[in-house]
Amino acid sequence: MRYQGKLATVPVTVLNPAPGFAWKQLPQNNYIDRLIDAKLQRLKIQPSPVVDDAGFLRRVSLDLTGQLPDPNEVRAFIADATPSH
């Protein structure tokens, strides 16, 4: 929404749960997982399943930059054997 050169955003959530929605609990590793799971359960949105490293990098890149990661970044990320990238 714009008014006199100012810009305002309004968060909107549209709920349309599938009939017969049943919550499937995923592992919770910390308090952030518990908070997110509680909100997703309240909104009747099933969390996405755990993915491999390439899928994780894709999701993070899209969330943070709105773009897919460069193929060279993907290769470097997958080749990194460090347990916590």
Protein backbone atom coordinates (compact mmCIF):
# COMPACT_ATOMS: atom_id res chain seq x y z
CA MET A 1 0.00 0.00 0.00
CA ARG A 2 1.34 3.45 -0.88
CA TYR A 3 0.29 6.82 0.48
CA GLN A 4 2.16 10.09 -0.10
CA GLY A 5 5.38 8.33 -1.03
CA LYS A 6 5.28 6.03 1.99
CA LEU A 7 5.15 2.26 1.68
CA ALA A 8 3.47 -0.10 4.13
CA THR A 9 3.24 -3.86 4.07
CA VAL A 10 0.52 -6.01 5.54
CA PRO A 11 1.17 -9.67 6.40
CA VAL A 12 -1.65 -11.90 5.21
CA THR A 13 -2.13 -15.61 5.84
CA VAL A 14 -4.69 -17.50 3.76
CA LEU A 15 -5.74 -20.79 5.33
CA ASN A 16 -7.23 -23.58 3.29
CA PRO A 17 -6.37 -26.84 5.06
CA ALA A 18 -7.04 -30.08 3.24
CA PRO A 19 -10.06 -32.02 4.53
CA GLY A 20 -8.99 -34.56 7.14
CA PHE A 21 -5.76 -32.69 7.97
CA ALA A 22 -3.80 -34.60 10.61
CA TRP A 23 -0.68 -33.13 12.22
CA LYS A 24 2.45 -35.28 11.89
CA GLN A 25 5.00 -34.45 14.55
CA LEU A 26 8.58 -34.05 13.31
CA PRO A 27 11.69 -34.23 15.51
CA GLN A 28 12.28 -31.13 17.60
CA ASN A 29 15.92 -30.31 18.25
CA ASN A 30 15.57 -26.98 20.05
CA TYR A 31 13.11 -24.37 21.29
CA ILE A 32 12.89 -22.75 17.84
CA ASP A 33 11.58 -26.03 16.40
CA ARG A 34 8.93 -26.13 19.15
CA LEU A 35 7.80 -22.55 18.45
CA ILE A 36 7.64 -23.07 14.68
CA ASP A 37 5.84 -26.41 15.05
CA ALA A 38 3.26 -24.83 17.36
CA LYS A 39 2.52 -22.09 14.83
CA LEU A 40 2.38 -24.48 11.87
CA GLN A 41 0.06 -26.78 13.79
CA ARG A 42 -2.22 -23.85 14.68
CA LEU A 43 -2.28 -22.78 10.99
CA LYS A 44 -2.77 -26.41 9.88
CA ILE A 45 0.33 -26.38 7.68
CA GLN A 46 2.42 -29.55 7.61
CA PRO A 47 6.16 -28.76 7.78
CA SER A 48 8.31 -29.65 4.81
CA PRO A 49 10.28 -32.88 5.15
CA VAL A 50 14.00 -32.90 5.87
CA VAL A 51 16.09 -32.63 2.69
CA ASP A 52 19.66 -33.37 1.65
CA ASP A 53 22.37 -30.66 1.61
CA ALA A 54 21.62 -29.53 -1.97
CA GLY A 55 17.92 -29.13 -1.17
CA PHE A 56 18.75 -27.26 2.04
CA LEU A 57 21.00 -24.81 0.18
CA ARG A 58 18.28 -24.29 -2.44
CA ARG A 59 15.64 -23.53 0.22
CA VAL A 60 17.90 -21.17 2.15
CA SER A 61 18.98 -19.32 -1.00
CA LEU A 62 15.40 -18.86 -2.16
CA ASP A 63 14.28 -17.70 1.30
CA LEU A 64 17.13 -15.23 1.79
CA THR A 65 17.81 -13.92 -1.72
CA GLY A 66 14.86 -15.01 -3.85
CA GLN A 67 17.29 -16.69 -6.25
CA LEU A 68 18.60 -20.19 -6.80
CA PRO A 69 22.19 -20.80 -5.72
CA ASP A 70 24.95 -20.78 -8.31
CA PRO A 71 25.91 -24.33 -9.41
CA ASN A 72 29.49 -23.77 -8.21
CA GLU A 73 28.17 -22.79 -4.75
CA VAL A 74 26.10 -25.98 -4.65
CA ARG A 75 29.11 -28.13 -5.56
CA ALA A 76 31.30 -26.43 -2.92
CA PHE A 77 28.59 -26.75 -0.27
CA ILE A 78 28.07 -30.46 -0.97
CA ALA A 79 31.82 -31.14 -1.07
CA ASP A 80 32.33 -29.54 2.37
CA ALA A 81 32.55 -32.42 4.86
CA THR A 82 32.23 -30.18 7.93
CA PRO A 83 29.31 -31.49 10.05
CA SER A 84 27.82 -28.01 10.58
CA HIS A 85 28.31 -25.94 7.45
